[in-house]
Amino acid sequence: MLQSLLHAPAVRALVIQCMSFLLTVLVIRGIWMLTDMPVALVAAVLLQGTIAATLSYWRRLAPWWLPIQFLFPGALMAMLSLSLPPEIFLVLFIFLLGWYWTIFRTQVPFYPSGLPVWEAVADLLPTDRPLHFIDIGSGLGGLVLNLAARRPESILSGIELAPLPWLASWLRARIVHSRARFIRGDYTHLDFAQYDVVFAYLSPAAMLALWEKSRAEMRPGAMLLSYEFPIPGVTADVIVMPQSEGATLYAWRF
């Protein structure tokens, strides 16, 4: 558990920022000793951001970490300069924790889909029988709520690990009196044999494990759907473009 935590991208990014800070201090001290001139704070912040982004690229963090690492020191200094009450940071931390939860472990950020994707998924679903469908990582529940309205004879479910998105989807279903079901939990604990269709909008880091679980558990005739992210080395049975300019919807039949 500790080893997997230490290899989590967020932890590695934090370690890189700490190393970048130390390297920046050493560089600034070296410049001061050689020239007897102080380094401006803005220059120091830019230097740390550049070092952090460079180290992140060297350590092969995902591409989106590079701008985050570069901007983090400047954003931190900007926030500190506002002299905001510390309670605001506590509230913000609790909100972000509830929204993103274990993203450092799952490597699955919050990816909302939209109506074109929901319609493309609906078109791929069999219409000759009721279905047991689940959206793993259902976020705010838009897809499941939309399908529940289209397919009242079927059982439409979503599972979400982060507390705040799950709560939002659960409340939405209650407000509109939808038959959609929302579970808070980790989809890896589910038995995919219960479902006719599994939909995923996860991340590249999760796709191989998802494929292994699906191949081991899903029944003949079931279908796995993934928006945007293919399974490396596995050819999809159906490929759909929900929008002329946008990501792809992949389907694998078992």
Protein backbone atom coordinates (compact mmCIF):
# COMPACT_ATOMS: atom_id res chain seq x y z
CA MET A 1 0.00 0.00 0.00
CA LEU A 2 2.78 2.43 0.97
CA GLN A 3 4.77 1.57 -2.14
CA SER A 4 1.78 2.18 -4.43
CA LEU A 5 1.13 5.48 -2.65
CA LEU A 6 4.73 6.61 -3.18
CA HIS A 7 4.42 5.82 -6.90
CA ALA A 8 1.16 7.77 -7.26
CA PRO A 9 1.54 10.67 -9.75
CA ALA A 10 0.36 13.29 -7.24
CA VAL A 11 2.93 12.18 -4.68
CA ARG A 12 5.66 12.16 -7.31
CA ALA A 13 4.60 15.66 -8.39
CA LEU A 14 4.82 16.87 -4.79
CA VAL A 15 8.30 15.38 -4.37
CA ILE A 16 9.38 17.07 -7.60
CA GLN A 17 8.11 20.44 -6.34
CA CYS A 18 10.08 20.01 -3.11
CA MET A 19 13.22 19.13 -5.06
CA SER A 20 12.62 22.09 -7.38
CA PHE A 21 12.36 24.43 -4.41
CA LEU A 22 15.67 23.20 -3.00
CA LEU A 23 17.39 23.50 -6.39
CA THR A 24 15.97 27.00 -6.81
CA VAL A 25 17.32 28.03 -3.42
CA LEU A 26 20.76 26.66 -4.35
CA VAL A 27 20.76 28.49 -7.69
CA ILE A 28 19.68 31.78 -6.10
CA ARG A 29 22.31 31.45 -3.39
CA GLY A 30 24.94 30.72 -6.02
CA ILE A 31 23.96 33.80 -8.04
CA TRP A 32 24.07 35.96 -4.92
CA MET A 33 27.51 34.65 -3.93
CA LEU A 34 28.92 35.18 -7.43
CA THR A 35 27.37 38.56 -8.23
CA ASP A 36 26.33 39.94 -4.83
CA MET A 37 22.95 40.70 -6.42
CA PRO A 38 19.57 39.51 -5.08
CA VAL A 39 17.24 37.58 -7.36
CA ALA A 40 13.75 39.02 -7.81
CA LEU A 41 10.90 36.95 -6.38
CA VAL A 42 9.21 36.72 -9.77
CA ALA A 43 12.38 35.31 -11.31
CA ALA A 44 12.69 32.78 -8.47
CA VAL A 45 9.09 31.65 -8.95
CA LEU A 46 9.58 31.25 -12.70
CA LEU A 47 12.80 29.35 -12.10
CA GLN A 48 11.16 26.89 -9.71
CA GLY A 49 8.26 26.35 -12.08
CA THR A 50 10.63 25.70 -14.97
CA ILE A 51 12.71 23.24 -12.95
CA ALA A 52 9.57 21.44 -11.74
CA ALA A 53 8.14 21.12 -15.26
CA THR A 54 11.51 19.90 -16.59
CA LEU A 55 11.85 17.28 -13.86
CA SER A 56 8.26 16.17 -14.45
CA TYR A 57 9.01 15.66 -18.13
CA TRP A 58 12.20 13.77 -17.25
CA ARG A 59 10.34 11.51 -14.81
CA ARG A 60 7.67 10.89 -17.46
CA LEU A 61 4.68 12.27 -15.63
CA ALA A 62 1.55 12.60 -17.76
CA PRO A 63 1.64 15.65 -20.08
CA TRP A 64 -0.99 17.56 -18.11
CA TRP A 65 1.33 17.65 -15.09
CA LEU A 66 3.82 19.90 -16.89
CA PRO A 67 1.71 23.10 -16.91
CA ILE A 68 0.46 22.30 -13.40
CA GLN A 69 4.01 21.99 -12.12
CA PHE A 70 5.11 25.15 -13.92
CA LEU A 71 2.20 27.27 -12.64
CA PHE A 72 2.04 25.90 -9.09
CA PRO A 73 4.74 28.14 -7.48
CA GLY A 74 3.25 31.28 -9.03
CA ALA A 75 -0.28 30.31 -8.03
CA LEU A 76 0.90 29.63 -4.47
CA MET A 77 2.60 33.03 -4.21
CA ALA A 78 -0.45 34.76 -5.64
CA MET A 79 -2.72 33.11 -3.09
CA LEU A 80 -0.39 34.00 -0.21
CA SER A 81 -0.24 37.63 -1.35
CA LEU A 82 -4.02 37.93 -0.97
CA SER A 83 -3.75 37.38 2.82
CA LEU A 84 -6.96 35.37 2.86
CA PRO A 85 -8.28 33.89 6.13
CA PRO A 86 -6.91 30.36 6.67
CA GLU A 87 -10.46 29.02 7.01
CA ILE A 88 -10.96 29.60 3.28
CA PHE A 89 -8.11 27.23 2.46
CA LEU A 90 -9.55 24.61 4.80
CA VAL A 91 -12.96 24.82 3.13
CA LEU A 92 -11.36 24.69 -0.32
CA PHE A 93 -9.27 21.67 0.69
CA ILE A 94 -12.32 19.81 2.00
CA PHE A 95 -14.26 20.61 -1.18
CA LEU A 96 -11.45 19.43 -3.46
CA LEU A 97 -10.96 16.32 -1.34
CA GLY A 98 -14.65 15.47 -1.64
CA TRP A 99 -14.66 16.16 -5.37
CA TYR A 100 -11.49 14.36 -6.43
CA TRP A 101 -11.11 11.91 -3.51
CA THR A 102 -8.61 9.16 -4.45
CA ILE A 103 -7.55 10.46 -7.86
CA PHE A 104 -3.92 10.20 -6.68
CA ARG A 105 -4.42 6.41 -6.49
CA THR A 106 -6.87 5.70 -9.31
CA GLN A 107 -5.33 8.20 -11.77
CA VAL A 108 -8.85 8.83 -13.06
CA PRO A 109 -9.67 12.56 -13.03
CA PHE A 110 -13.16 14.01 -13.38
CA TYR A 111 -14.13 13.78 -17.06
CA PRO A 112 -17.69 14.91 -17.80
CA SER A 113 -19.31 13.71 -21.02
CA GLY A 114 -22.16 15.42 -22.85
CA LEU A 115 -25.39 14.93 -24.78
CA PRO A 116 -23.76 13.78 -28.07
CA VAL A 117 -22.00 11.00 -26.14
CA TRP A 118 -25.20 10.01 -24.33
CA GLU A 119 -27.04 9.77 -27.64
CA ALA A 120 -24.26 7.69 -29.19
CA VAL A 121 -24.34 5.31 -26.22
CA ALA A 122 -28.14 5.05 -26.44
CA ASP A 123 -27.89 4.14 -30.15
CA LEU A 124 -25.49 1.26 -29.36
CA LEU A 125 -27.68 -0.34 -26.70
CA PRO A 126 -29.74 -3.40 -27.70
CA THR A 127 -33.44 -2.59 -27.94
CA ASP A 128 -34.89 -6.12 -27.93
CA ARG A 129 -34.71 -6.65 -24.16
CA PRO A 130 -34.37 -4.83 -20.82
CA LEU A 131 -30.78 -4.10 -19.90
CA HIS A 132 -28.73 -3.89 -16.75
CA PHE A 133 -26.39 -0.97 -17.48
CA ILE A 134 -23.74 0.68 -15.32
CA ASP A 135 -21.58 3.75 -15.78
CA ILE A 136 -18.34 3.24 -13.81
CA GLY A 137 -17.09 6.61 -12.62
CA SER A 138 -20.50 8.19 -13.23
CA GLY A 139 -19.58 11.70 -12.02
CA LEU A 140 -22.63 13.94 -11.86
CA GLY A 141 -24.83 11.22 -13.34
CA GLY A 142 -25.82 12.85 -16.61
CA LEU A 143 -25.49 9.74 -18.79
CA VAL A 144 -27.37 7.45 -16.41
CA LEU A 145 -30.18 9.96 -15.88
CA ASN A 146 -30.51 10.46 -19.64
CA LEU A 147 -30.64 6.72 -20.35
CA ALA A 148 -33.09 6.13 -17.50
CA ALA A 149 -35.50 8.53 -19.20
CA ARG A 150 -35.02 6.79 -22.56
CA ARG A 151 -35.16 3.20 -21.30
CA PRO A 152 -37.68 2.95 -18.44
CA GLU A 153 -37.78 -0.87 -18.76
CA SER A 154 -34.08 -1.21 -17.97
CA ILE A 155 -32.01 -0.96 -14.79
CA LEU A 156 -29.61 1.98 -15.16
CA SER A 157 -26.92 2.47 -12.53
CA GLY A 158 -23.86 4.56 -11.90
CA ILE A 159 -21.01 4.10 -9.45
CA GLU A 160 -18.77 6.93 -8.28
CA LEU A 161 -15.96 6.90 -5.73
CA ALA A 162 -15.73 10.65 -5.02
CA PRO A 163 -18.33 11.72 -2.41
CA LEU A 164 -19.42 15.08 -3.83
CA PRO A 165 -20.10 14.00 -7.44
CA TRP A 166 -21.92 10.92 -6.11
CA LEU A 167 -24.05 13.08 -3.80
CA ALA A 168 -24.87 15.45 -6.65
CA SER A 169 -26.00 12.57 -8.90
CA TRP A 170 -28.03 10.97 -6.10
CA LEU A 171 -29.80 14.27 -5.40
CA ARG A 172 -30.47 14.87 -9.11
CA ALA A 173 -32.15 11.49 -9.40
CA ARG A 174 -34.35 12.22 -6.37
CA ILE A 175 -35.31 15.69 -7.58
CA VAL A 176 -36.51 14.49 -10.99
CA HIS A 177 -37.95 11.21 -9.59
CA SER A 178 -35.67 9.18 -11.86
CA ARG A 179 -35.35 5.40 -11.64
CA ALA A 180 -31.60 5.78 -12.05
CA ARG A 181 -29.54 4.25 -9.28
CA PHE A 182 -26.31 5.72 -7.96
CA ILE A 183 -23.82 3.83 -5.81
CA ARG A 184 -20.87 5.32 -3.98
CA GLY A 185 -17.94 2.98 -4.20
CA ASP A 186 -15.06 1.55 -6.21
CA TYR A 187 -16.09 -0.17 -9.43
CA THR A 188 -13.25 -2.68 -9.02
CA HIS A 189 -15.31 -4.28 -6.25
CA LEU A 190 -18.26 -4.91 -8.60
CA ASP A 191 -18.97 -8.17 -10.35
CA PHE A 192 -19.33 -7.23 -14.03
CA ALA A 193 -21.24 -10.47 -14.63
CA GLN A 194 -24.30 -8.62 -13.29
CA TYR A 195 -24.36 -6.18 -16.20
CA ASP A 196 -25.24 -6.33 -19.88
CA VAL A 197 -23.41 -3.09 -20.65
CA VAL A 198 -20.55 -1.39 -18.81
CA PHE A 199 -19.67 2.18 -19.80
CA ALA A 200 -16.38 3.82 -18.84
CA TYR A 201 -14.93 7.29 -19.24
CA LEU A 202 -11.78 6.83 -17.18
CA SER A 203 -8.17 7.51 -18.23
CA PRO A 204 -5.41 5.75 -20.16
CA ALA A 205 -3.89 4.54 -16.88
CA ALA A 206 -6.98 2.48 -16.04
CA MET A 207 -7.75 0.81 -19.36
CA LEU A 208 -5.67 -2.37 -19.19
CA ALA A 209 -6.96 -3.26 -15.72
CA LEU A 210 -10.51 -2.52 -16.90
CA TRP A 211 -10.04 -4.85 -19.87
CA GLU A 212 -8.72 -7.68 -17.72
CA LYS A 213 -11.64 -7.36 -15.31
CA SER A 214 -14.18 -7.16 -18.14
CA ARG A 215 -12.73 -10.14 -19.99
CA ALA A 216 -12.73 -12.23 -16.82
CA GLU A 217 -16.23 -11.35 -15.59
CA MET A 218 -18.55 -10.16 -18.37
CA ARG A 219 -20.91 -12.73 -19.84
CA PRO A 220 -21.24 -13.70 -23.52
CA GLY A 221 -23.39 -11.13 -25.28
CA ALA A 222 -22.38 -8.31 -22.91
CA MET A 223 -20.73 -5.12 -24.12
CA LEU A 224 -18.01 -2.82 -22.80
CA LEU A 225 -18.07 0.82 -23.87
CA SER A 226 -15.28 3.35 -23.42
CA TYR A 227 -15.38 6.99 -24.41
CA GLU A 228 -12.15 8.60 -25.63
CA PHE A 229 -9.73 6.01 -24.27
CA PRO A 230 -9.13 2.74 -26.20
CA ILE A 231 -7.71 -0.43 -24.73
CA PRO A 232 -4.09 -0.74 -25.87
CA GLY A 233 -3.59 -3.63 -28.23
CA VAL A 234 -7.28 -4.62 -28.36
CA THR A 235 -9.26 -3.75 -31.48
CA ALA A 236 -12.74 -2.43 -30.81
CA ASP A 237 -15.71 -4.13 -32.45
CA VAL A 238 -17.48 -0.80 -33.01
CA ILE A 239 -16.03 2.71 -33.27
CA VAL A 240 -18.32 5.74 -33.25
CA MET A 241 -17.60 9.47 -33.46
CA PRO A 242 -20.31 11.19 -31.37
CA GLN A 243 -19.24 14.54 -32.82
CA SER A 244 -17.47 15.43 -36.04
CA GLU A 245 -14.69 17.01 -34.00
CA GLY A 246 -14.18 15.21 -30.75
CA ALA A 247 -13.24 11.98 -29.04
CA THR A 248 -14.23 8.46 -30.06
CA LEU A 249 -16.63 5.98 -28.49
CA TYR A 250 -15.31 2.40 -28.50
CA ALA A 251 -17.32 -0.81 -28.02
CA TRP A 252 -16.18 -4.38 -27.38
CA ARG A 253 -18.62 -7.30 -27.50
CA PHE A 254 -18.03 -10.51 -25.57
